[in-house]
Amino acid sequence: MRLTIIGSSGSFPGPASPASCYLVEADGFRMLLDLGNGALGALQNYTDIYAIDAVYLSHLHADHCFDLCSYWVARTYPQGGRKPRIPVYGPPGVADRMAEAYGLAPDPGMRETFDFHELAPGSRDIGPFSVRTARVNHPVDAFGLRLEHNGSTLTYSGDTAACEQLVDLASDTDLFLCEASFHDHHDNPKDVHLTGREAGEHAERARARRLVLTHLVPWNDDETTLREAHTAYSGPVELARPGAVYRIGAEALAQSPA
């Protein structure tokens, strides 16, 4: 598998990053994990936007899904006519929610461009990936994701506060892409997001082989988030940065510029 960080900013785009978006590739299949505001523009630096084969939306907050509206325009009205439908996986109600976001009537909404599938806890195949999803701890319906391909694993938290489901999803994963929105010692809202330390604790309990911190809120100091994670996790940990590429294989993980 190959993972490219398109956007890693949390809650809203930052000065150097769009909101959440990650490109995962294997066997020529390209899937987006989330498509937050600002991400579609940046995505064009890394791949042909018409070469995307599937989109997974972890939940329906704007910083994880609103650029699907722009992507609907791009796939519906290009020169030469509408592009082929591709699957979009999201929480229950995803099709109507995205139609509403763009001001479309629910029927057909975006269904002529996207083939919507509603998520539920459990397993399925998406392209070459074996996929397992679980509900995580967030104020709206939200799902964490575990991808497996040829013996390699990638786990993505989406947005979550502390929960056992996340530890289970990330068990022995090769790369754990985990949100770390909050700092310790602040009066943080309950059951919304993780701190850097909590992300590290989840990774340590899961025996994850590598931790990459994402959903980095622009008003926070990222180096503080990184230090907090180091206090709880004994493995390699780093900050997700746009353009970073991770090759997730049976033998090793390597990072390189895109």
C-alpha atoms as a PDB file:
ATOM      1  CA  MET A   1       0.000   0.000   0.000  1.00  0.00           C
ATOM      2  CA  ARG A   2       0.998   3.576  -0.581  1.00  0.00           C
ATOM      3  CA  LEU A   3      -0.388   6.404   1.569  1.00  0.00           C
ATOM      4  CA  THR A   4      -0.096  10.062   0.548  1.00  0.00           C
ATOM      5  CA  ILE A   5      -1.053  12.831   2.962  1.00  0.00           C
ATOM      6  CA  ILE A   6      -3.155  15.345   1.034  1.00  0.00           C
ATOM      7  CA  GLY A   7      -4.413  17.343   4.010  1.00  0.00           C
ATOM      8  CA  SER A   8      -3.898  16.923   7.754  1.00  0.00           C
ATOM      9  CA  SER A   9      -5.400  20.072   9.251  1.00  0.00           C
ATOM     10  CA  GLY A  10      -8.131  19.594  11.825  1.00  0.00           C
ATOM     11  CA  SER A  11     -11.434  21.468  12.095  1.00  0.00           C
ATOM     12  CA  PHE A  12     -10.606  23.866   9.246  1.00  0.00           C
ATOM     13  CA  PRO A  13      -7.824  24.278   6.665  1.00  0.00           C
ATOM     14  CA  GLY A  14      -4.563  25.672   7.993  1.00  0.00           C
ATOM     15  CA  PRO A  15      -2.119  28.013   6.254  1.00  0.00           C
ATOM     16  CA  ALA A  16      -0.066  25.089   4.951  1.00  0.00           C
ATOM     17  CA  SER A  17      -2.611  22.286   4.733  1.00  0.00           C
ATOM     18  CA  PRO A  18      -6.140  21.509   3.613  1.00  0.00           C
ATOM     19  CA  ALA A  19      -8.470  19.710   5.974  1.00  0.00           C
ATOM     20  CA  SER A  20      -8.422  15.917   6.270  1.00  0.00           C
ATOM     21  CA  CYS A  21      -7.728  13.921   3.100  1.00  0.00           C
ATOM     22  CA  TYR A  22      -5.501  10.897   2.473  1.00  0.00           C
ATOM     23  CA  LEU A  23      -4.861   8.966  -0.737  1.00  0.00           C
ATOM     24  CA  VAL A  24      -4.364   5.198  -0.413  1.00  0.00           C
ATOM     25  CA  GLU A  25      -3.219   3.156  -3.418  1.00  0.00           C
ATOM     26  CA  ALA A  26      -2.684  -0.537  -4.107  1.00  0.00           C
ATOM     27  CA  ASP A  27      -2.678  -2.584  -7.310  1.00  0.00           C
ATOM     28  CA  GLY A  28      -3.565   0.526  -9.323  1.00  0.00           C
ATOM     29  CA  PHE A  29      -6.671   1.224  -7.195  1.00  0.00           C
ATOM     30  CA  ARG A  30      -6.926   4.716  -5.667  1.00  0.00           C
ATOM     31  CA  MET A  31      -9.137   5.492  -2.687  1.00  0.00           C
ATOM     32  CA  LEU A  32      -9.546   8.739  -0.770  1.00  0.00           C
ATOM     33  CA  LEU A  33      -9.969   8.626   2.980  1.00  0.00           C
ATOM     34  CA  ASP A  34     -12.030  11.760   3.653  1.00  0.00           C
ATOM     35  CA  LEU A  35     -12.305  14.808   1.418  1.00  0.00           C
ATOM     36  CA  GLY A  36     -12.345  17.834   3.699  1.00  0.00           C
ATOM     37  CA  ASN A  37     -12.553  21.480   2.709  1.00  0.00           C
ATOM     38  CA  GLY A  38      -9.649  22.593   0.543  1.00  0.00           C
ATOM     39  CA  ALA A  39      -8.524  19.053  -0.265  1.00  0.00           C
ATOM     40  CA  LEU A  40      -9.651  18.760  -3.890  1.00  0.00           C
ATOM     41  CA  GLY A  41      -7.361  21.567  -5.003  1.00  0.00           C
ATOM     42  CA  ALA A  42      -4.337  20.035  -3.301  1.00  0.00           C
ATOM     43  CA  LEU A  43      -5.202  16.550  -4.576  1.00  0.00           C
ATOM     44  CA  GLN A  44      -4.463  17.724  -8.119  1.00  0.00           C
ATOM     45  CA  ASN A  45      -0.783  18.015  -7.156  1.00  0.00           C
ATOM     46  CA  TYR A  46      -0.581  14.265  -6.557  1.00  0.00           C
ATOM     47  CA  THR A  47      -2.912  12.455  -8.948  1.00  0.00           C
ATOM     48  CA  ASP A  48      -5.444  12.809 -11.736  1.00  0.00           C
ATOM     49  CA  ILE A  49      -8.674  13.548  -9.868  1.00  0.00           C
ATOM     50  CA  TYR A  50     -10.578  11.478 -12.425  1.00  0.00           C
ATOM     51  CA  ALA A  51      -8.448   8.434 -11.588  1.00  0.00           C
ATOM     52  CA  ILE A  52      -9.972   8.066  -8.106  1.00  0.00           C
ATOM     53  CA  ASP A  53     -11.796   4.738  -7.740  1.00  0.00           C
ATOM     54  CA  ALA A  54     -13.573   5.193  -4.383  1.00  0.00           C
ATOM     55  CA  VAL A  55     -14.113   7.723  -1.581  1.00  0.00           C
ATOM     56  CA  TYR A  56     -14.499   6.877   2.113  1.00  0.00           C
ATOM     57  CA  LEU A  57     -15.984   9.535   4.413  1.00  0.00           C
ATOM     58  CA  SER A  58     -15.353   8.795   8.080  1.00  0.00           C
ATOM     59  CA  HIS A  59     -18.113  11.181   9.176  1.00  0.00           C
ATOM     60  CA  LEU A  60     -20.079  14.158   7.930  1.00  0.00           C
ATOM     61  CA  HIS A  61     -18.401  17.155   9.528  1.00  0.00           C
ATOM     62  CA  ALA A  62     -17.315  19.745   6.968  1.00  0.00           C
ATOM     63  CA  ASP A  63     -13.589  19.251   7.479  1.00  0.00           C
ATOM     64  CA  HIS A  64     -13.942  15.618   6.383  1.00  0.00           C
ATOM     65  CA  CYS A  65     -16.539  15.662   3.620  1.00  0.00           C
ATOM     66  CA  PHE A  66     -17.399  19.060   2.120  1.00  0.00           C
ATOM     67  CA  ASP A  67     -15.046  18.890  -0.863  1.00  0.00           C
ATOM     68  CA  LEU A  68     -17.168  16.002  -2.119  1.00  0.00           C
ATOM     69  CA  CYS A  69     -19.431  18.855  -3.286  1.00  0.00           C
ATOM     70  CA  SER A  70     -16.640  20.256  -5.441  1.00  0.00           C
ATOM     71  CA  TYR A  71     -15.758  16.760  -6.602  1.00  0.00           C
ATOM     72  CA  TRP A  72     -19.377  16.230  -7.663  1.00  0.00           C
ATOM     73  CA  VAL A  73     -19.103  19.310  -9.881  1.00  0.00           C
ATOM     74  CA  ALA A  74     -15.780  18.109 -11.307  1.00  0.00           C
ATOM     75  CA  ARG A  75     -17.157  14.658 -12.188  1.00  0.00           C
ATOM     76  CA  THR A  76     -20.599  15.842 -13.342  1.00  0.00           C
ATOM     77  CA  TYR A  77     -19.709  18.691 -15.708  1.00  0.00           C
ATOM     78  CA  PRO A  78     -16.287  18.091 -17.300  1.00  0.00           C
ATOM     79  CA  GLN A  79     -15.700  18.551 -21.007  1.00  0.00           C
ATOM     80  CA  GLY A  80     -16.766  15.352 -22.700  1.00  0.00           C
ATOM     81  CA  GLY A  81     -19.577  14.644 -20.264  1.00  0.00           C
ATOM     82  CA  ARG A  82     -20.150  13.077 -16.877  1.00  0.00           C
ATOM     83  CA  LYS A  83     -17.452  10.740 -15.598  1.00  0.00           C
ATOM     84  CA  PRO A  84     -18.372   7.158 -14.612  1.00  0.00           C
ATOM     85  CA  ARG A  85     -19.989   6.708 -11.199  1.00  0.00           C
ATOM     86  CA  ILE A  86     -17.664   5.758  -8.381  1.00  0.00           C
ATOM     87  CA  PRO A  87     -18.570   4.422  -4.929  1.00  0.00           C
ATOM     88  CA  VAL A  88     -18.711   6.746  -1.936  1.00  0.00           C
ATOM     89  CA  TYR A  89     -18.815   5.124   1.501  1.00  0.00           C
ATOM     90  CA  GLY A  90     -20.115   7.148   4.421  1.00  0.00           C
ATOM     91  CA  PRO A  91     -22.285   7.121   7.540  1.00  0.00           C
ATOM     92  CA  PRO A  92     -26.045   6.557   7.316  1.00  0.00           C
ATOM     93  CA  GLY A  93     -27.708   9.456   5.493  1.00  0.00           C
ATOM     94  CA  VAL A  94     -24.574  10.370   3.545  1.00  0.00           C
ATOM     95  CA  ALA A  95     -26.317  10.758   0.167  1.00  0.00           C
ATOM     96  CA  ASP A  96     -28.995  13.150   1.444  1.00  0.00           C
ATOM     97  CA  ARG A  97     -26.499  15.073   3.584  1.00  0.00           C
ATOM     98  CA  MET A  98     -24.210  15.759   0.650  1.00  0.00           C
ATOM     99  CA  ALA A  99     -27.129  16.758  -1.582  1.00  0.00           C
ATOM    100  CA  GLU A 100     -28.274  19.188   1.100  1.00  0.00           C
ATOM    101  CA  ALA A 101     -24.767  20.624   1.423  1.00  0.00           C
ATOM    102  CA  TYR A 102     -24.812  21.615  -2.250  1.00  0.00           C
ATOM    103  CA  GLY A 103     -28.456  22.704  -2.293  1.00  0.00           C
ATOM    104  CA  LEU A 104     -29.675  19.782  -4.402  1.00  0.00           C
ATOM    105  CA  ALA A 105     -32.984  17.985  -4.093  1.00  0.00           C
ATOM    106  CA  PRO A 106     -32.453  14.626  -2.367  1.00  0.00           C
ATOM    107  CA  ASP A 107     -33.653  12.760  -5.469  1.00  0.00           C
ATOM    108  CA  PRO A 108     -31.487  12.307  -7.403  1.00  0.00           C
ATOM    109  CA  GLY A 109     -29.084  14.485  -5.409  1.00  0.00           C
ATOM    110  CA  MET A 110     -25.557  13.349  -6.281  1.00  0.00           C
ATOM    111  CA  ARG A 111     -26.581   9.746  -6.988  1.00  0.00           C
ATOM    112  CA  GLU A 112     -26.096   9.991 -10.748  1.00  0.00           C
ATOM    113  CA  THR A 113     -22.404  10.740 -10.166  1.00  0.00           C
ATOM    114  CA  PHE A 114     -21.696   8.786  -6.962  1.00  0.00           C
ATOM    115  CA  ASP A 115     -22.814   5.321  -5.910  1.00  0.00           C
ATOM    116  CA  PHE A 116     -23.420   5.825  -2.192  1.00  0.00           C
ATOM    117  CA  HIS A 117     -22.946   3.031   0.348  1.00  0.00           C
ATOM    118  CA  GLU A 118     -23.786   3.488   4.026  1.00  0.00           C
ATOM    119  CA  LEU A 119     -21.245   2.304   6.580  1.00  0.00           C
ATOM    120  CA  ALA A 120     -21.941  -0.026   9.480  1.00  0.00           C
ATOM    121  CA  PRO A 121     -19.568  -1.807  11.850  1.00  0.00           C
ATOM    122  CA  GLY A 122     -18.133  -4.874  10.152  1.00  0.00           C
ATOM    123  CA  SER A 123     -16.053  -6.027   7.203  1.00  0.00           C
ATOM    124  CA  ARG A 124     -16.237  -5.644   3.440  1.00  0.00           C
ATOM    125  CA  ASP A 125     -13.954  -5.483   0.414  1.00  0.00           C
ATOM    126  CA  ILE A 126     -13.306  -2.200  -1.384  1.00  0.00           C
ATOM    127  CA  GLY A 127     -11.209  -2.764  -4.484  1.00  0.00           C
ATOM    128  CA  PRO A 128      -8.123  -4.753  -3.435  1.00  0.00           C
ATOM    129  CA  PHE A 129      -8.519  -3.814   0.235  1.00  0.00           C
ATOM    130  CA  SER A 130     -10.036  -5.861   3.019  1.00  0.00           C
ATOM    131  CA  VAL A 131     -11.796  -3.230   5.114  1.00  0.00           C
ATOM    132  CA  ARG A 132     -13.041  -3.293   8.689  1.00  0.00           C
ATOM    133  CA  THR A 133     -14.977  -0.379  10.169  1.00  0.00           C
ATOM    134  CA  ALA A 134     -16.097   0.401  13.710  1.00  0.00           C
ATOM    135  CA  ARG A 135     -18.007   3.247  15.302  1.00  0.00           C
ATOM    136  CA  VAL A 136     -15.768   5.548  17.316  1.00  0.00           C
ATOM    137  CA  ASN A 137     -16.413   8.158  20.004  1.00  0.00           C
ATOM    138  CA  HIS A 138     -17.502  11.432  18.380  1.00  0.00           C
ATOM    139  CA  PRO A 139     -20.607  13.653  18.658  1.00  0.00           C
ATOM    140  CA  VAL A 140     -21.894  12.481  15.255  1.00  0.00           C
ATOM    141  CA  ASP A 141     -21.953   9.035  13.661  1.00  0.00           C
ATOM    142  CA  ALA A 142     -18.244   8.408  12.931  1.00  0.00           C
ATOM    143  CA  PHE A 143     -16.234   5.397  11.821  1.00  0.00           C
ATOM    144  CA  GLY A 144     -12.637   4.307  12.198  1.00  0.00           C
ATOM    145  CA  LEU A 145     -11.152   2.182   9.422  1.00  0.00           C
ATOM    146  CA  ARG A 146      -8.659  -0.656   9.095  1.00  0.00           C
ATOM    147  CA  LEU A 147      -7.325  -1.535   5.635  1.00  0.00           C
ATOM    148  CA  GLU A 148      -5.456  -4.761   4.862  1.00  0.00           C
ATOM    149  CA  HIS A 149      -3.665  -5.657   1.656  1.00  0.00           C
ATOM    150  CA  ASN A 150      -1.172  -8.467   1.061  1.00  0.00           C
ATOM    151  CA  GLY A 151      -0.476  -8.845   4.776  1.00  0.00           C
ATOM    152  CA  SER A 152       0.028  -5.111   5.428  1.00  0.00           C
ATOM    153  CA  THR A 153      -2.292  -2.919   7.486  1.00  0.00           C
ATOM    154  CA  LEU A 154      -3.220   0.739   7.779  1.00  0.00           C
ATOM    155  CA  THR A 155      -5.579   2.031  10.469  1.00  0.00           C
ATOM    156  CA  TYR A 156      -7.233   5.455  10.303  1.00  0.00           C
ATOM    157  CA  SER A 157      -9.005   6.850  13.345  1.00  0.00           C
ATOM    158  CA  GLY A 158     -11.174   9.471  11.658  1.00  0.00           C
ATOM    159  CA  ASP A 159     -12.297  11.816  14.450  1.00  0.00           C
ATOM    160  CA  THR A 160     -12.672  10.262  17.876  1.00  0.00           C
ATOM    161  CA  ALA A 161     -12.169  10.633  21.583  1.00  0.00           C
ATOM    162  CA  ALA A 162     -10.829   7.727  23.627  1.00  0.00           C
ATOM    163  CA  CYS A 163     -12.530   4.400  22.894  1.00  0.00           C
ATOM    164  CA  GLU A 164     -11.777   0.685  22.987  1.00  0.00           C
ATOM    165  CA  GLN A 165     -12.966   0.226  19.418  1.00  0.00           C
ATOM    166  CA  LEU A 166     -10.006   2.250  18.174  1.00  0.00           C
ATOM    167  CA  VAL A 167      -7.504   0.103  20.057  1.00  0.00           C
ATOM    168  CA  ASP A 168      -9.084  -2.996  18.544  1.00  0.00           C
ATOM    169  CA  LEU A 169      -8.990  -1.585  15.000  1.00  0.00           C
ATOM    170  CA  ALA A 170      -5.322  -0.617  15.364  1.00  0.00           C
ATOM    171  CA  SER A 171      -4.184  -3.915  16.898  1.00  0.00           C
ATOM    172  CA  ASP A 172      -0.692  -4.730  15.511  1.00  0.00           C
ATOM    173  CA  THR A 173      -1.247  -2.362  12.589  1.00  0.00           C
ATOM    174  CA  ASP A 174       1.752  -1.371  10.472  1.00  0.00           C
ATOM    175  CA  LEU A 175       0.789   2.312  10.350  1.00  0.00           C
ATOM    176  CA  PHE A 176      -1.683   4.057  12.646  1.00  0.00           C
ATOM    177  CA  LEU A 177      -2.917   7.359  11.229  1.00  0.00           C
ATOM    178  CA  CYS A 178      -4.471   8.838  14.339  1.00  0.00           C
ATOM    179  CA  GLU A 179      -6.083  12.140  15.152  1.00  0.00           C
ATOM    180  CA  ALA A 180      -4.484  14.277  17.884  1.00  0.00           C
ATOM    181  CA  SER A 181      -6.489  17.491  18.014  1.00  0.00           C
ATOM    182  CA  PHE A 182      -6.189  18.527  21.653  1.00  0.00           C
ATOM    183  CA  HIS A 183      -3.425  19.288  24.156  1.00  0.00           C
ATOM    184  CA  ASP A 184      -3.245  17.973  27.684  1.00  0.00           C
ATOM    185  CA  HIS A 185      -3.916  20.289  30.639  1.00  0.00           C
ATOM    186  CA  HIS A 186      -6.590  22.211  28.736  1.00  0.00           C
ATOM    187  CA  ASP A 187     -10.290  22.217  29.504  1.00  0.00           C
ATOM    188  CA  ASN A 188     -11.093  20.117  26.453  1.00  0.00           C
ATOM    189  CA  PRO A 189     -14.660  19.155  25.527  1.00  0.00           C
ATOM    190  CA  LYS A 190     -15.483  15.568  26.475  1.00  0.00           C
ATOM    191  CA  ASP A 191     -15.943  12.781  23.918  1.00  0.00           C
ATOM    192  CA  VAL A 192     -14.821  14.793  20.900  1.00  0.00           C
ATOM    193  CA  HIS A 193     -11.098  14.374  20.140  1.00  0.00           C
ATOM    194  CA  LEU A 194      -7.839  12.858  21.394  1.00  0.00           C
ATOM    195  CA  THR A 195      -4.817  14.654  22.791  1.00  0.00           C
ATOM    196  CA  GLY A 196      -1.354  13.754  21.558  1.00  0.00           C
ATOM    197  CA  ARG A 197      -0.803  11.736  24.725  1.00  0.00           C
ATOM    198  CA  GLU A 198      -4.072   9.854  24.274  1.00  0.00           C
ATOM    199  CA  ALA A 199      -3.188   9.060  20.671  1.00  0.00           C
ATOM    200  CA  GLY A 200       0.107   7.667  21.946  1.00  0.00           C
ATOM    201  CA  GLU A 201      -1.672   5.627  24.602  1.00  0.00           C
ATOM    202  CA  HIS A 202      -4.010   4.086  22.031  1.00  0.00           C
ATOM    203  CA  ALA A 203      -1.073   3.267  19.754  1.00  0.00           C
ATOM    204  CA  GLU A 204       0.900   1.711  22.599  1.00  0.00           C
ATOM    205  CA  ARG A 205      -2.004  -0.438  23.765  1.00  0.00           C
ATOM    206  CA  ALA A 206      -2.643  -1.536  20.176  1.00  0.00           C
ATOM    207  CA  ARG A 207       1.042  -2.407  19.616  1.00  0.00           C
ATOM    208  CA  ALA A 208       0.970  -0.282  16.460  1.00  0.00           C
ATOM    209  CA  ARG A 209       4.307  -0.330  14.629  1.00  0.00           C
ATOM    210  CA  ARG A 210       4.255   3.326  13.615  1.00  0.00           C
ATOM    211  CA  LEU A 211       2.148   6.307  14.669  1.00  0.00           C
ATOM    212  CA  VAL A 212       1.419   9.282  12.407  1.00  0.00           C
ATOM    213  CA  LEU A 213      -0.462  12.123  14.104  1.00  0.00           C
ATOM    214  CA  THR A 214      -3.044  13.995  12.078  1.00  0.00           C
ATOM    215  CA  HIS A 215      -6.060  16.317  12.395  1.00  0.00           C
ATOM    216  CA  LEU A 216      -3.631  18.948  13.675  1.00  0.00           C
ATOM    217  CA  VAL A 217      -5.689  21.986  14.663  1.00  0.00           C
ATOM    218  CA  PRO A 218      -4.169  25.238  13.321  1.00  0.00           C
ATOM    219  CA  TRP A 219      -4.255  27.078  16.676  1.00  0.00           C
ATOM    220  CA  ASN A 220      -2.234  24.368  18.441  1.00  0.00           C
ATOM    221  CA  ASP A 221       1.535  23.963  18.533  1.00  0.00           C
ATOM    222  CA  ASP A 222       2.269  20.774  16.596  1.00  0.00           C
ATOM    223  CA  GLU A 223       5.560  20.133  18.374  1.00  0.00           C
ATOM    224  CA  THR A 224       3.715  20.075  21.685  1.00  0.00           C
ATOM    225  CA  THR A 225       1.340  17.476  20.242  1.00  0.00           C
ATOM    226  CA  LEU A 226       4.314  15.410  19.119  1.00  0.00           C
ATOM    227  CA  ARG A 227       6.010  15.613  22.520  1.00  0.00           C
ATOM    228  CA  GLU A 228       2.814  14.530  24.247  1.00  0.00           C
ATOM    229  CA  ALA A 229       2.566  11.466  22.006  1.00  0.00           C
ATOM    230  CA  HIS A 230       6.182  10.519  22.735  1.00  0.00           C
ATOM    231  CA  THR A 231       5.412  10.371  26.459  1.00  0.00           C
ATOM    232  CA  ALA A 232       2.955   7.521  25.917  1.00  0.00           C
ATOM    233  CA  TYR A 233       4.162   5.642  22.838  1.00  0.00           C
ATOM    234  CA  SER A 234       7.462   3.781  22.586  1.00  0.00           C
ATOM    235  CA  GLY A 235       7.539   3.372  18.793  1.00  0.00           C
ATOM    236  CA  PRO A 236       8.283   5.804  15.962  1.00  0.00           C
ATOM    237  CA  VAL A 237       5.915   8.759  15.848  1.00  0.00           C
ATOM    238  CA  GLU A 238       5.693  11.785  13.578  1.00  0.00           C
ATOM    239  CA  LEU A 239       3.365  14.516  12.368  1.00  0.00           C
ATOM    240  CA  ALA A 240       1.340  14.064   9.178  1.00  0.00           C
ATOM    241  CA  ARG A 241       2.485  16.633   6.630  1.00  0.00           C
ATOM    242  CA  PRO A 242       0.943  17.285   3.194  1.00  0.00           C
ATOM    243  CA  GLY A 243       2.984  15.562   0.499  1.00  0.00           C
ATOM    244  CA  ALA A 244       4.448  12.902   2.770  1.00  0.00           C
ATOM    245  CA  VAL A 245       4.288   9.431   1.232  1.00  0.00           C
ATOM    246  CA  TYR A 246       4.328   6.189   3.219  1.00  0.00           C
ATOM    247  CA  ARG A 247       4.917   2.822   1.591  1.00  0.00           C
ATOM    248  CA  ILE A 248       3.354   0.205   3.802  1.00  0.00           C
ATOM    249  CA  GLY A 249       4.764  -3.225   3.066  1.00  0.00           C
ATOM    250  CA  ALA A 250       5.536  -6.499   4.739  1.00  0.00           C
ATOM    251  CA  GLU A 251       9.227  -5.715   5.102  1.00  0.00           C
ATOM    252  CA  ALA A 252       9.428  -2.034   5.992  1.00  0.00           C
ATOM    253  CA  LEU A 253       7.794   1.354   6.023  1.00  0.00           C
ATOM    254  CA  ALA A 254       9.477   4.172   4.158  1.00  0.00           C
ATOM    255  CA  GLN A 255       8.655   7.858   3.965  1.00  0.00           C
ATOM    256  CA  SER A 256       9.628  10.109   1.085  1.00  0.00           C
ATOM    257  CA  PRO A 257       8.540  13.402  -0.426  1.00  0.00           C
ATOM    258  CA  ALA A 258       5.695  13.097  -2.929  1.00  0.00           C
END
